[in-house]
Amino acid sequence: MLLEFTGFRCVNCPSAEATALELQSLYADRLIVVALHPASNPFTKGLYDYTCPAADSVYRYAGGTASTPFPTGCINLTADAEGRYFSDHELWGAALLQAMQDTLCPSLALTATLDTLTRRVDARITYSARDDMRVALWLIEDSVVGAQAMPDATVRMDYPHRHVLRTAAFDTPFGIAATGDATATSILLPEGCNAAHCSVVALLLNATNYQILNAYETKLSTPAALCAKH
């Protein structure tokens, strides 16, 4: 998973998003990209609000502050040898290439059903659990059209913000202890979210350092969907 920390006031963030899309095209269903707009960074402040508490929790856990330069990101919420999580988008490709060498990950599967009347998503996550794992569920929305500062100092009002983290189940993006071999939960689509552009992502995390061990995504463009492996 590529975690892309971004803000609509950041003139360089469109370049980072282009990098993320290129990598997603390269790795196809082996890579999930999530854009996080953390409220703790001034690049997300203004008349337009793409933030959510889950994004801010992940950002602050990784050491993000009001002075952290954007754009930035990390792979699998994993720190480097110096304990740093954030890296420039020009380094994401090399980091992903290294991460792809690790094929020893716990099994994970996800089914999700959307009730179009209540806007509730009922999800069942199955996995090969260990005592040191947590299971989480995120909801992301793609192509959120709105304002974005551009590199040429203009503001584009019809910019399609991609793969935006909107909310997380369990009231935390870091989930709950992964007990047994399955977890069932539900998540509500926030007001204003377009269900046709939304996905849910199941994650298995290391319980000690929250490193993402595996992740699966399923689209909500139909009332019921079954994810494919990533």
Protein backbone atom coordinates (compact mmCIF):
# COMPACT_ATOMS: atom_id res chain seq x y z
CA MET A 1 0.00 0.00 0.00
CA LEU A 2 1.19 3.47 -0.93
CA LEU A 3 0.07 6.12 1.57
CA GLU A 4 0.10 9.51 -0.12
CA PHE A 5 -0.13 12.49 2.25
CA THR A 6 -1.48 15.48 0.38
CA GLY A 7 -3.36 18.77 0.58
CA PHE A 8 -5.27 20.94 -1.87
CA ARG A 9 -3.12 24.01 -1.08
CA CYS A 10 0.09 22.15 -2.00
CA VAL A 11 1.19 23.18 -5.51
CA ASN A 12 3.54 20.20 -5.83
CA CYS A 13 1.01 17.58 -4.75
CA PRO A 14 -0.41 17.06 -8.27
CA SER A 15 3.03 15.86 -9.36
CA ALA A 16 3.07 13.34 -6.51
CA GLU A 17 -0.39 12.13 -7.44
CA ALA A 18 0.79 11.63 -11.02
CA THR A 19 3.65 9.49 -9.66
CA ALA A 20 1.19 7.45 -7.60
CA LEU A 21 -1.01 6.85 -10.64
CA GLU A 22 1.98 5.79 -12.74
CA LEU A 23 2.99 3.28 -10.07
CA GLN A 24 -0.55 2.00 -9.79
CA SER A 25 -0.63 1.51 -13.55
CA LEU A 26 2.68 -0.34 -13.38
CA TYR A 27 1.79 -2.68 -10.53
CA ALA A 28 -1.95 -2.98 -11.29
CA ASP A 29 -3.79 -4.99 -8.62
CA ARG A 30 -0.62 -5.54 -6.58
CA LEU A 31 -0.72 -1.93 -5.35
CA ILE A 32 -3.38 -0.02 -3.44
CA VAL A 33 -2.98 3.76 -3.25
CA VAL A 34 -4.67 5.82 -0.54
CA ALA A 35 -4.52 9.62 -0.37
CA LEU A 36 -4.67 11.05 3.14
CA HIS A 37 -5.57 14.70 3.77
CA PRO A 38 -4.53 15.27 7.42
CA ALA A 39 -6.07 18.18 9.33
CA SER A 40 -2.81 18.66 11.24
CA ASN A 41 -1.08 20.07 8.16
CA PRO A 42 -1.82 23.62 6.92
CA PHE A 43 -1.81 22.47 3.28
CA THR A 44 -5.27 20.97 3.93
CA LYS A 45 -6.73 24.15 5.53
CA GLY A 46 -9.16 26.49 3.80
CA LEU A 47 -12.63 26.70 2.32
CA TYR A 48 -12.45 23.11 1.07
CA ASP A 49 -12.18 20.15 3.40
CA TYR A 50 -11.06 16.70 2.29
CA THR A 51 -9.80 15.72 5.73
CA CYS A 52 -11.02 12.99 8.07
CA PRO A 53 -9.97 11.93 11.59
CA ALA A 54 -8.61 8.60 10.32
CA ALA A 55 -6.19 10.35 7.94
CA ASP A 56 -4.99 12.62 10.72
CA SER A 57 -4.44 9.68 13.10
CA VAL A 58 -2.20 7.91 10.58
CA TYR A 59 -0.35 11.13 9.79
CA ARG A 60 0.38 11.94 13.43
CA TYR A 61 1.40 8.35 14.18
CA ALA A 62 3.99 8.60 11.39
CA GLY A 63 5.35 11.80 12.94
CA GLY A 64 3.53 14.33 10.79
CA THR A 65 3.29 17.88 12.11
CA ALA A 66 2.17 21.30 10.93
CA SER A 67 5.63 21.82 9.45
CA THR A 68 6.00 18.52 7.57
CA PRO A 69 6.62 19.42 3.90
CA PHE A 70 4.18 18.13 1.32
CA PRO A 71 3.90 16.12 -0.79
CA THR A 72 5.17 13.07 1.04
CA GLY A 73 4.29 9.43 1.49
CA CYS A 74 5.32 6.00 2.68
CA ILE A 75 4.97 2.36 1.76
CA ASN A 76 3.03 0.02 4.05
CA LEU A 77 3.36 2.48 6.95
CA THR A 78 6.93 1.23 7.37
CA ALA A 79 9.76 3.31 8.83
CA ASP A 80 13.26 3.31 7.32
CA ALA A 81 16.44 2.43 9.19
CA GLU A 82 16.49 5.91 10.76
CA GLY A 83 12.90 5.59 11.95
CA ARG A 84 11.51 7.96 9.30
CA TYR A 85 8.20 7.22 7.61
CA PHE A 86 7.98 10.00 5.03
CA SER A 87 9.79 10.15 1.71
CA ASP A 88 9.68 12.29 -1.43
CA HIS A 89 7.51 10.99 -4.27
CA GLU A 90 10.58 10.56 -6.48
CA LEU A 91 11.69 7.78 -4.10
CA TRP A 92 8.42 5.86 -4.02
CA GLY A 93 9.24 3.72 -7.03
CA ALA A 94 12.45 2.34 -5.51
CA ALA A 95 10.74 1.78 -2.15
CA LEU A 96 7.90 -0.11 -3.82
CA LEU A 97 10.30 -2.27 -5.81
CA GLN A 98 11.98 -3.29 -2.55
CA ALA A 99 8.66 -3.91 -0.78
CA MET A 100 7.46 -6.13 -3.63
CA GLN A 101 10.28 -8.57 -2.89
CA ASP A 102 8.52 -9.62 0.34
CA THR A 103 6.02 -12.28 -0.65
CA LEU A 104 5.56 -13.74 2.84
CA CYS A 105 2.36 -12.08 3.97
CA PRO A 106 -0.67 -13.45 5.84
CA SER A 107 -3.66 -14.45 3.75
CA LEU A 108 -6.52 -11.97 3.60
CA ALA A 109 -9.92 -11.86 1.86
CA LEU A 110 -12.87 -9.49 1.94
CA THR A 111 -16.54 -9.52 0.99
CA ALA A 112 -18.61 -6.34 1.21
CA THR A 113 -22.28 -5.58 0.61
CA LEU A 114 -23.67 -2.08 0.19
CA ASP A 115 -27.23 -1.25 1.26
CA THR A 116 -28.06 1.60 -1.10
CA LEU A 117 -30.94 2.82 1.10
CA THR A 118 -29.08 3.06 4.40
CA ARG A 119 -25.64 3.62 2.77
CA ARG A 120 -24.24 1.01 5.14
CA VAL A 121 -21.50 -1.35 4.02
CA ASP A 122 -21.47 -4.74 5.75
CA ALA A 123 -18.06 -6.36 5.48
CA ARG A 124 -16.63 -9.74 6.37
CA ILE A 125 -12.85 -10.03 6.54
CA THR A 126 -11.18 -13.44 6.65
CA TYR A 127 -7.50 -14.02 7.31
CA SER A 128 -4.80 -16.25 8.73
CA ALA A 129 -4.45 -14.62 12.14
CA ARG A 130 -1.50 -14.37 14.47
CA ASP A 131 -1.39 -13.00 18.02
CA ASP A 132 0.56 -9.96 16.84
CA MET A 133 -1.89 -8.76 14.18
CA ARG A 134 -4.70 -6.22 13.93
CA VAL A 135 -7.45 -6.02 11.33
CA ALA A 136 -8.78 -2.72 9.99
CA LEU A 137 -11.26 -1.49 7.40
CA TRP A 138 -10.94 1.80 5.51
CA LEU A 139 -13.33 3.52 3.12
CA ILE A 140 -11.90 5.51 0.21
CA GLU A 141 -13.55 7.62 -2.48
CA ASP A 142 -12.06 8.16 -5.90
CA SER A 143 -12.34 11.19 -8.21
CA VAL A 144 -13.56 13.71 -5.66
CA VAL A 145 -13.88 16.82 -7.84
CA GLY A 146 -12.84 20.08 -6.18
CA ALA A 147 -10.20 22.75 -5.73
CA GLN A 148 -6.47 22.14 -6.10
CA ALA A 149 -3.55 24.56 -6.24
CA MET A 150 -1.47 23.83 -9.32
CA PRO A 151 2.27 24.17 -10.06
CA ASP A 152 1.65 27.18 -12.31
CA ALA A 153 0.16 29.10 -9.33
CA THR A 154 -3.42 28.75 -10.59
CA VAL A 155 -6.24 27.02 -8.72
CA ARG A 156 -8.06 24.31 -10.62
CA MET A 157 -11.67 23.98 -9.43
CA ASP A 158 -12.45 20.73 -11.27
CA TYR A 159 -9.46 18.73 -10.07
CA PRO A 160 -10.22 15.00 -9.55
CA HIS A 161 -8.76 14.06 -6.17
CA ARG A 162 -8.00 10.35 -6.35
CA HIS A 163 -8.39 7.54 -3.78
CA VAL A 164 -9.24 9.85 -0.83
CA LEU A 165 -9.48 8.25 2.63
CA ARG A 166 -12.92 9.13 4.00
CA THR A 167 -13.35 7.12 7.20
CA ALA A 168 -12.39 3.91 9.02
CA ALA A 169 -14.34 1.25 10.88
CA PHE A 170 -13.79 0.52 14.59
CA ASP A 171 -13.33 4.29 15.19
CA THR A 172 -9.63 3.93 14.39
CA PRO A 173 -7.60 3.36 11.22
CA PHE A 174 -5.46 0.85 13.16
CA GLY A 175 -8.33 -1.57 13.71
CA ILE A 176 -8.80 -4.19 16.38
CA ALA A 177 -7.03 -7.39 17.42
CA ALA A 178 -7.30 -10.04 14.70
CA THR A 179 -8.80 -12.95 16.63
CA GLY A 180 -10.07 -16.21 15.19
CA ASP A 181 -10.05 -16.33 11.41
CA ALA A 182 -12.71 -13.72 10.53
CA THR A 183 -14.09 -10.34 11.57
CA ALA A 184 -17.43 -8.82 10.58
CA THR A 185 -18.05 -5.09 10.76
CA SER A 186 -19.95 -2.31 9.06
CA ILE A 187 -19.13 1.18 7.91
CA LEU A 188 -21.35 4.07 6.82
CA LEU A 189 -20.64 6.13 3.73
CA PRO A 190 -20.12 9.70 4.95
CA GLU A 191 -22.57 12.33 3.77
CA GLY A 192 -21.75 13.54 0.29
CA CYS A 193 -19.73 10.48 -0.75
CA ASN A 194 -20.59 9.02 -4.14
CA ALA A 195 -21.11 5.29 -3.57
CA ALA A 196 -20.27 4.55 -7.21
CA HIS A 197 -16.77 5.93 -6.62
CA CYS A 198 -16.17 4.30 -3.23
CA SER A 199 -14.17 1.27 -2.16
CA VAL A 200 -13.46 -0.49 1.10
CA VAL A 201 -9.98 -1.69 1.96
CA ALA A 202 -9.26 -4.40 4.51
CA LEU A 203 -5.85 -4.30 6.18
CA LEU A 204 -3.81 -6.60 8.38
CA LEU A 205 -1.33 -4.68 10.53
CA ASN A 206 1.47 -5.56 12.90
CA ALA A 207 0.00 -4.98 16.37
CA THR A 208 3.24 -3.46 17.68
CA ASN A 209 4.25 -0.94 15.01
CA TYR A 210 1.15 -0.85 12.73
CA GLN A 211 3.15 -1.89 9.68
CA ILE A 212 0.68 -2.97 6.96
CA LEU A 213 1.21 -6.68 6.29
CA ASN A 214 -1.45 -7.13 3.62
CA ALA A 215 -4.35 -5.18 2.13
CA TYR A 216 -7.32 -5.93 -0.12
CA GLU A 217 -9.68 -3.54 -1.87
CA THR A 218 -13.20 -4.03 -3.21
CA LYS A 219 -15.28 -1.52 -5.15
CA LEU A 220 -18.78 -0.47 -4.15
CA SER A 221 -20.07 0.33 -7.62
CA THR A 222 -22.62 -2.49 -7.27
CA PRO A 223 -24.78 -3.47 -4.26
CA ALA A 224 -22.61 -6.49 -3.57
CA ALA A 225 -19.01 -7.13 -4.46
CA LEU A 226 -16.27 -9.63 -3.84
CA CYS A 227 -12.72 -8.38 -3.82
CA ALA A 228 -9.84 -9.69 -5.86
CA LYS A 229 -6.44 -10.31 -4.38
CA HIS A 230 -3.91 -7.45 -4.24
